[in-house]
Amino acid sequence: MNVTEAVESRMSCRAYLPTPVPGATLRAILDSARRSPSGGNLQPWNVYALTGKPLAELLAAVRGKLFEHPRGEGFEYDIYPSGLAEPYRSRRFKCGEDMYATIGVAREDKPARLRQFAQNYAMFGAPVGLFFFIDRQMGSPQWSDLGMYMQTVMLLAREHGLDTCAQEAWSAWHRTVGECLQVPPELMLFAGMALGYRDDAAPINRLVTDRAPLDEFAVLRGF
């Protein structure tokens, strides 16, 4: 698989087969992703990878709190800006509507939507959960570096026949994740990521999100 094929086949996978991911494969992905760029070569990424019993224990800890706190413990950063303007607001709205349409959940069915959202905290059934942290002293440029590392991980996963779903939703459980993983307090949880083998029979994995045409966001001069 070349890079273009990896980019074009990457998707946010929300249903996985229970097939285990070999430790050597995951190690190879995370190791190769070290070549991701970062300003000043700071390499401001920290990754915790879980599978088997450690992952099951973390998911159980969160599951035990979901009934009383369905929206988590609160966020340490804003995932979306308040008062999101166009065209971003419409893009976000359509993405959500298209996703729920694949599983037949109507907009007015709030309980069903909450149940589906809670699948984030089961890693959508993926056998591997990745958690990405950044040192609290870092600023927005280093956050973008962490994002580039995550993107590299996702593309390398495709090369190995795996799929992923990056999940900023996990930041809502930063306290529980930090406690369960014994993360140093100077690290902030940015996102989780499900990783595993895609369940092609799951309707939700048929979602193909829209992308704006090139001329809508790019200015090319002198070409």
C-alpha atoms as a PDB file:
ATOM      1  CA  MET A   1       0.000   0.000   0.000  1.00  0.00           C
ATOM      2  CA  ASN A   2       1.433   3.394  -0.979  1.00  0.00           C
ATOM      3  CA  VAL A   3       0.883   6.642   0.906  1.00  0.00           C
ATOM      4  CA  THR A   4      -1.947   7.821  -1.356  1.00  0.00           C
ATOM      5  CA  GLU A   5      -3.811   4.547  -0.843  1.00  0.00           C
ATOM      6  CA  ALA A   6      -3.364   4.843   2.920  1.00  0.00           C
ATOM      7  CA  VAL A   7      -4.696   8.414   2.916  1.00  0.00           C
ATOM      8  CA  GLU A   8      -7.680   7.597   0.717  1.00  0.00           C
ATOM      9  CA  SER A   9      -8.636   4.438   2.635  1.00  0.00           C
ATOM     10  CA  ARG A  10      -8.254   5.916   6.129  1.00  0.00           C
ATOM     11  CA  MET A  11     -11.571   6.418   7.872  1.00  0.00           C
ATOM     12  CA  SER A  12     -12.951   6.808  11.373  1.00  0.00           C
ATOM     13  CA  CYS A  13     -13.754   3.185  12.104  1.00  0.00           C
ATOM     14  CA  ARG A  14     -16.501   2.757  14.707  1.00  0.00           C
ATOM     15  CA  ALA A  15     -16.888  -1.030  14.758  1.00  0.00           C
ATOM     16  CA  TYR A  16     -14.088  -3.598  15.055  1.00  0.00           C
ATOM     17  CA  LEU A  17     -13.508  -7.311  14.925  1.00  0.00           C
ATOM     18  CA  PRO A  18     -12.209  -8.896  18.152  1.00  0.00           C
ATOM     19  CA  THR A  19      -9.080 -10.098  16.335  1.00  0.00           C
ATOM     20  CA  PRO A  20      -6.011  -9.259  18.477  1.00  0.00           C
ATOM     21  CA  VAL A  21      -3.343  -6.932  17.109  1.00  0.00           C
ATOM     22  CA  PRO A  22       0.157  -8.418  17.451  1.00  0.00           C
ATOM     23  CA  GLY A  23       2.379  -6.488  19.829  1.00  0.00           C
ATOM     24  CA  ALA A  24       5.166  -6.439  17.249  1.00  0.00           C
ATOM     25  CA  THR A  25       2.843  -4.770  14.744  1.00  0.00           C
ATOM     26  CA  LEU A  26       1.795  -2.043  17.156  1.00  0.00           C
ATOM     27  CA  ARG A  27       5.380  -1.456  18.224  1.00  0.00           C
ATOM     28  CA  ALA A  28       6.440  -1.130  14.570  1.00  0.00           C
ATOM     29  CA  ILE A  29       3.705   1.457  13.931  1.00  0.00           C
ATOM     30  CA  LEU A  30       4.514   3.607  16.953  1.00  0.00           C
ATOM     31  CA  ASP A  31       8.233   3.290  16.288  1.00  0.00           C
ATOM     32  CA  SER A  32       8.039   4.299  12.618  1.00  0.00           C
ATOM     33  CA  ALA A  33       5.805   7.246  13.536  1.00  0.00           C
ATOM     34  CA  ARG A  34       8.754   8.727  15.450  1.00  0.00           C
ATOM     35  CA  ARG A  35       9.814  10.239  12.111  1.00  0.00           C
ATOM     36  CA  SER A  36       6.863  12.635  12.285  1.00  0.00           C
ATOM     37  CA  PRO A  37       7.918  16.293  12.106  1.00  0.00           C
ATOM     38  CA  SER A  38       7.949  18.626  15.094  1.00  0.00           C
ATOM     39  CA  GLY A  39       9.144  22.192  15.502  1.00  0.00           C
ATOM     40  CA  GLY A  40      12.675  22.271  16.929  1.00  0.00           C
ATOM     41  CA  ASN A  41      12.511  18.451  16.990  1.00  0.00           C
ATOM     42  CA  LEU A  42      10.791  18.655  20.390  1.00  0.00           C
ATOM     43  CA  GLN A  43       8.869  15.432  19.690  1.00  0.00           C
ATOM     44  CA  PRO A  44       6.150  16.438  22.199  1.00  0.00           C
ATOM     45  CA  TRP A  45       4.175  13.206  22.038  1.00  0.00           C
ATOM     46  CA  ASN A  46       3.570  10.690  24.797  1.00  0.00           C
ATOM     47  CA  VAL A  47       1.630   7.499  24.069  1.00  0.00           C
ATOM     48  CA  TYR A  48       0.106   4.853  26.322  1.00  0.00           C
ATOM     49  CA  ALA A  49      -1.014   1.702  24.489  1.00  0.00           C
ATOM     50  CA  LEU A  50      -3.393  -0.793  26.105  1.00  0.00           C
ATOM     51  CA  THR A  51      -4.845  -4.146  25.150  1.00  0.00           C
ATOM     52  CA  GLY A  52      -6.182  -7.197  26.973  1.00  0.00           C
ATOM     53  CA  LYS A  53      -6.646  -6.894  30.737  1.00  0.00           C
ATOM     54  CA  PRO A  54      -5.222  -3.339  31.137  1.00  0.00           C
ATOM     55  CA  LEU A  55      -7.631  -2.001  28.505  1.00  0.00           C
ATOM     56  CA  ALA A  56     -10.556  -3.953  29.940  1.00  0.00           C
ATOM     57  CA  GLU A  57      -9.878  -2.542  33.416  1.00  0.00           C
ATOM     58  CA  LEU A  58      -9.805   1.038  32.148  1.00  0.00           C
ATOM     59  CA  LEU A  59     -12.997   0.625  30.135  1.00  0.00           C
ATOM     60  CA  ALA A  60     -14.692  -0.943  33.159  1.00  0.00           C
ATOM     61  CA  ALA A  61     -13.651   1.978  35.357  1.00  0.00           C
ATOM     62  CA  VAL A  62     -15.200   4.457  32.932  1.00  0.00           C
ATOM     63  CA  ARG A  63     -18.282   2.302  32.355  1.00  0.00           C
ATOM     64  CA  GLY A  64     -18.931   2.282  36.101  1.00  0.00           C
ATOM     65  CA  LYS A  65     -19.188   6.073  36.098  1.00  0.00           C
ATOM     66  CA  LEU A  66     -21.123   6.630  32.868  1.00  0.00           C
ATOM     67  CA  PHE A  67     -24.614   6.317  34.373  1.00  0.00           C
ATOM     68  CA  GLU A  68     -24.104   9.179  36.816  1.00  0.00           C
ATOM     69  CA  HIS A  69     -21.789  11.173  34.542  1.00  0.00           C
ATOM     70  CA  PRO A  70     -22.823  10.456  30.923  1.00  0.00           C
ATOM     71  CA  ARG A  71     -20.807  13.417  29.654  1.00  0.00           C
ATOM     72  CA  GLY A  72     -17.697  12.646  31.650  1.00  0.00           C
ATOM     73  CA  GLU A  73     -15.659  14.576  34.184  1.00  0.00           C
ATOM     74  CA  GLY A  74     -15.290  17.816  32.238  1.00  0.00           C
ATOM     75  CA  PHE A  75     -12.791  18.875  29.607  1.00  0.00           C
ATOM     76  CA  GLU A  76      -9.413  20.502  30.105  1.00  0.00           C
ATOM     77  CA  TYR A  77      -9.635  22.163  26.707  1.00  0.00           C
ATOM     78  CA  ASP A  78     -12.345  23.175  24.233  1.00  0.00           C
ATOM     79  CA  ILE A  79     -12.737  20.592  21.490  1.00  0.00           C
ATOM     80  CA  TYR A  80     -14.708  23.038  19.336  1.00  0.00           C
ATOM     81  CA  PRO A  81     -14.793  26.840  19.500  1.00  0.00           C
ATOM     82  CA  SER A  82     -17.918  28.343  21.046  1.00  0.00           C
ATOM     83  CA  GLY A  83     -20.233  29.920  18.495  1.00  0.00           C
ATOM     84  CA  LEU A  84     -18.815  27.833  15.660  1.00  0.00           C
ATOM     85  CA  ALA A  85     -19.284  29.806  12.429  1.00  0.00           C
ATOM     86  CA  GLU A  86     -19.964  28.656   8.885  1.00  0.00           C
ATOM     87  CA  PRO A  87     -18.953  26.611   7.003  1.00  0.00           C
ATOM     88  CA  TYR A  88     -17.619  24.668   9.996  1.00  0.00           C
ATOM     89  CA  ARG A  89     -20.917  24.456  11.853  1.00  0.00           C
ATOM     90  CA  SER A  90     -22.712  22.914   8.878  1.00  0.00           C
ATOM     91  CA  ARG A  91     -19.881  20.470   8.250  1.00  0.00           C
ATOM     92  CA  ARG A  92     -20.006  19.247  11.834  1.00  0.00           C
ATOM     93  CA  PHE A  93     -23.805  18.975  11.769  1.00  0.00           C
ATOM     94  CA  LYS A  94     -23.846  16.999   8.517  1.00  0.00           C
ATOM     95  CA  CYS A  95     -21.137  14.642   9.710  1.00  0.00           C
ATOM     96  CA  GLY A  96     -23.201  13.767  12.778  1.00  0.00           C
ATOM     97  CA  GLU A  97     -26.436  13.378  10.830  1.00  0.00           C
ATOM     98  CA  ASP A  98     -24.796  11.162   8.218  1.00  0.00           C
ATOM     99  CA  MET A  99     -23.208   8.968  10.865  1.00  0.00           C
ATOM    100  CA  TYR A 100     -26.419   8.389  12.829  1.00  0.00           C
ATOM    101  CA  ALA A 101     -28.298   7.740   9.579  1.00  0.00           C
ATOM    102  CA  THR A 102     -26.099   4.694   8.917  1.00  0.00           C
ATOM    103  CA  ILE A 103     -27.477   3.041  12.075  1.00  0.00           C
ATOM    104  CA  GLY A 104     -31.027   4.371  11.779  1.00  0.00           C
ATOM    105  CA  VAL A 105     -30.952   6.728  14.770  1.00  0.00           C
ATOM    106  CA  ALA A 106     -33.225   9.748  14.366  1.00  0.00           C
ATOM    107  CA  ARG A 107     -32.178  13.190  15.578  1.00  0.00           C
ATOM    108  CA  GLU A 108     -34.957  13.277  18.167  1.00  0.00           C
ATOM    109  CA  ASP A 109     -33.904   9.925  19.656  1.00  0.00           C
ATOM    110  CA  LYS A 110     -31.562  11.388  22.258  1.00  0.00           C
ATOM    111  CA  PRO A 111     -31.163   8.186  24.357  1.00  0.00           C
ATOM    112  CA  ALA A 112     -30.044   6.216  21.288  1.00  0.00           C
ATOM    113  CA  ARG A 113     -27.589   8.950  20.355  1.00  0.00           C
ATOM    114  CA  LEU A 114     -26.154   8.961  23.848  1.00  0.00           C
ATOM    115  CA  ARG A 115     -25.778   5.182  23.747  1.00  0.00           C
ATOM    116  CA  GLN A 116     -23.898   5.409  20.468  1.00  0.00           C
ATOM    117  CA  PHE A 117     -21.708   8.224  21.792  1.00  0.00           C
ATOM    118  CA  ALA A 118     -20.907   6.097  24.826  1.00  0.00           C
ATOM    119  CA  GLN A 119     -19.368   3.549  22.456  1.00  0.00           C
ATOM    120  CA  ASN A 120     -16.385   5.900  22.362  1.00  0.00           C
ATOM    121  CA  TYR A 121     -15.671   4.726  25.886  1.00  0.00           C
ATOM    122  CA  ALA A 122     -15.744   1.088  24.810  1.00  0.00           C
ATOM    123  CA  MET A 123     -13.242   1.892  22.037  1.00  0.00           C
ATOM    124  CA  PHE A 124     -15.985   0.759  19.629  1.00  0.00           C
ATOM    125  CA  GLY A 125     -14.920  -2.797  20.407  1.00  0.00           C
ATOM    126  CA  ALA A 126     -11.335  -2.285  19.217  1.00  0.00           C
ATOM    127  CA  PRO A 127      -8.736  -4.582  20.809  1.00  0.00           C
ATOM    128  CA  VAL A 128      -6.236  -1.735  21.230  1.00  0.00           C
ATOM    129  CA  GLY A 129      -6.691   1.635  22.880  1.00  0.00           C
ATOM    130  CA  LEU A 130      -4.084   4.364  22.434  1.00  0.00           C
ATOM    131  CA  PHE A 131      -3.953   7.475  24.618  1.00  0.00           C
ATOM    132  CA  PHE A 132      -2.003  10.534  23.527  1.00  0.00           C
ATOM    133  CA  PHE A 133      -0.679  13.016  26.066  1.00  0.00           C
ATOM    134  CA  ILE A 134       1.223  16.275  25.841  1.00  0.00           C
ATOM    135  CA  ASP A 135       3.290  18.117  28.431  1.00  0.00           C
ATOM    136  CA  ARG A 136       1.301  20.970  29.946  1.00  0.00           C
ATOM    137  CA  GLN A 137       4.082  23.453  29.263  1.00  0.00           C
ATOM    138  CA  MET A 138       3.578  23.027  25.513  1.00  0.00           C
ATOM    139  CA  GLY A 139       1.633  25.474  23.359  1.00  0.00           C
ATOM    140  CA  SER A 140      -0.548  25.244  20.254  1.00  0.00           C
ATOM    141  CA  PRO A 141       2.389  24.652  17.860  1.00  0.00           C
ATOM    142  CA  GLN A 142       3.331  21.522  19.817  1.00  0.00           C
ATOM    143  CA  TRP A 143      -0.294  20.389  19.856  1.00  0.00           C
ATOM    144  CA  SER A 144      -0.160  20.455  16.058  1.00  0.00           C
ATOM    145  CA  ASP A 145       3.011  18.350  16.223  1.00  0.00           C
ATOM    146  CA  LEU A 146       1.175  15.776  18.332  1.00  0.00           C
ATOM    147  CA  GLY A 147      -1.595  15.779  15.725  1.00  0.00           C
ATOM    148  CA  MET A 148       0.945  15.024  13.019  1.00  0.00           C
ATOM    149  CA  TYR A 149       2.256  12.088  15.046  1.00  0.00           C
ATOM    150  CA  MET A 150      -1.281  10.753  15.408  1.00  0.00           C
ATOM    151  CA  GLN A 151      -1.929  11.126  11.676  1.00  0.00           C
ATOM    152  CA  THR A 152       1.260   9.207  10.941  1.00  0.00           C
ATOM    153  CA  VAL A 153       0.121   6.439  13.278  1.00  0.00           C
ATOM    154  CA  MET A 154      -3.219   6.248  11.461  1.00  0.00           C
ATOM    155  CA  LEU A 155      -1.601   6.002   8.031  1.00  0.00           C
ATOM    156  CA  LEU A 156       0.907   3.387   9.161  1.00  0.00           C
ATOM    157  CA  ALA A 157      -1.978   1.409  10.624  1.00  0.00           C
ATOM    158  CA  ARG A 158      -3.553   1.269   7.169  1.00  0.00           C
ATOM    159  CA  GLU A 159      -0.308  -0.101   5.762  1.00  0.00           C
ATOM    160  CA  HIS A 160      -0.676  -2.998   8.210  1.00  0.00           C
ATOM    161  CA  GLY A 161      -4.326  -3.604   7.290  1.00  0.00           C
ATOM    162  CA  LEU A 162      -5.622  -1.916  10.439  1.00  0.00           C
ATOM    163  CA  ASP A 163      -8.097   0.897  11.001  1.00  0.00           C
ATOM    164  CA  THR A 164      -8.361   3.592  13.639  1.00  0.00           C
ATOM    165  CA  CYS A 165     -10.640   6.207  15.122  1.00  0.00           C
ATOM    166  CA  ALA A 166      -9.151   9.270  16.770  1.00  0.00           C
ATOM    167  CA  GLN A 167     -11.297  10.209  19.789  1.00  0.00           C
ATOM    168  CA  GLU A 168     -11.022  13.600  21.448  1.00  0.00           C
ATOM    169  CA  ALA A 169     -14.068  12.449  23.431  1.00  0.00           C
ATOM    170  CA  TRP A 170     -11.673  10.629  25.753  1.00  0.00           C
ATOM    171  CA  SER A 171     -10.457  13.955  27.113  1.00  0.00           C
ATOM    172  CA  ALA A 172     -13.746  14.072  29.054  1.00  0.00           C
ATOM    173  CA  TRP A 173     -12.353  11.272  31.240  1.00  0.00           C
ATOM    174  CA  HIS A 174      -8.890  12.694  31.786  1.00  0.00           C
ATOM    175  CA  ARG A 175      -8.950  12.127  35.564  1.00  0.00           C
ATOM    176  CA  THR A 176      -9.956   8.471  35.381  1.00  0.00           C
ATOM    177  CA  VAL A 177      -7.544   7.753  32.532  1.00  0.00           C
ATOM    178  CA  GLY A 178      -4.732   9.500  34.382  1.00  0.00           C
ATOM    179  CA  GLU A 179      -5.401   7.566  37.576  1.00  0.00           C
ATOM    180  CA  CYS A 180      -5.750   4.163  35.903  1.00  0.00           C
ATOM    181  CA  LEU A 181      -2.618   4.620  33.796  1.00  0.00           C
ATOM    182  CA  GLN A 182      -0.661   6.375  36.574  1.00  0.00           C
ATOM    183  CA  VAL A 183       0.185   9.234  34.254  1.00  0.00           C
ATOM    184  CA  PRO A 184       2.498  11.963  35.608  1.00  0.00           C
ATOM    185  CA  PRO A 185       0.523  15.120  36.469  1.00  0.00           C
ATOM    186  CA  GLU A 186       2.517  17.250  34.027  1.00  0.00           C
ATOM    187  CA  LEU A 187       0.953  15.365  31.104  1.00  0.00           C
ATOM    188  CA  MET A 188      -2.452  16.366  29.681  1.00  0.00           C
ATOM    189  CA  LEU A 189      -4.651  13.880  27.873  1.00  0.00           C
ATOM    190  CA  PHE A 190      -5.359  15.101  24.351  1.00  0.00           C
ATOM    191  CA  ALA A 191      -7.168  12.159  22.766  1.00  0.00           C
ATOM    192  CA  GLY A 192      -7.678   8.448  22.640  1.00  0.00           C
ATOM    193  CA  MET A 193      -7.556   6.284  19.543  1.00  0.00           C
ATOM    194  CA  ALA A 194      -9.197   2.956  18.802  1.00  0.00           C
ATOM    195  CA  LEU A 195      -7.083   0.614  16.691  1.00  0.00           C
ATOM    196  CA  GLY A 196      -7.876  -2.787  15.248  1.00  0.00           C
ATOM    197  CA  TYR A 197      -9.322  -4.679  12.306  1.00  0.00           C
ATOM    198  CA  ARG A 198     -12.395  -3.122  10.716  1.00  0.00           C
ATOM    199  CA  ASP A 199     -15.752  -4.922  10.857  1.00  0.00           C
ATOM    200  CA  ASP A 200     -16.864  -4.484   7.244  1.00  0.00           C
ATOM    201  CA  ALA A 201     -20.319  -5.853   8.043  1.00  0.00           C
ATOM    202  CA  ALA A 202     -21.111  -2.989  10.442  1.00  0.00           C
ATOM    203  CA  PRO A 203     -23.365  -0.355   8.805  1.00  0.00           C
ATOM    204  CA  ILE A 204     -21.676   2.496  10.658  1.00  0.00           C
ATOM    205  CA  ASN A 205     -18.420   1.732   8.844  1.00  0.00           C
ATOM    206  CA  ARG A 206     -20.069   2.564   5.526  1.00  0.00           C
ATOM    207  CA  LEU A 207     -19.964   6.260   6.354  1.00  0.00           C
ATOM    208  CA  VAL A 208     -17.861   8.287   3.935  1.00  0.00           C
ATOM    209  CA  THR A 209     -17.631  11.863   5.157  1.00  0.00           C
ATOM    210  CA  ASP A 210     -17.664  14.765   2.717  1.00  0.00           C
ATOM    211  CA  ARG A 211     -14.603  16.823   1.871  1.00  0.00           C
ATOM    212  CA  ALA A 212     -14.649  20.368   0.518  1.00  0.00           C
ATOM    213  CA  PRO A 213     -13.273  20.713  -3.025  1.00  0.00           C
ATOM    214  CA  LEU A 214      -9.690  21.922  -3.361  1.00  0.00           C
ATOM    215  CA  ASP A 215     -10.636  25.344  -4.726  1.00  0.00           C
ATOM    216  CA  GLU A 216     -12.714  26.038  -1.621  1.00  0.00           C
ATOM    217  CA  PHE A 217      -9.723  26.059   0.734  1.00  0.00           C
ATOM    218  CA  ALA A 218      -6.552  26.362  -1.346  1.00  0.00           C
ATOM    219  CA  VAL A 219      -5.067  29.340  -3.195  1.00  0.00           C
ATOM    220  CA  LEU A 220      -2.542  28.406  -5.883  1.00  0.00           C
ATOM    221  CA  ARG A 221      -0.488  31.107  -7.545  1.00  0.00           C
ATOM    222  CA  GLY A 222       2.164  30.858 -10.236  1.00  0.00           C
ATOM    223  CA  PHE A 223       1.078  27.339 -11.285  1.00  0.00           C
END
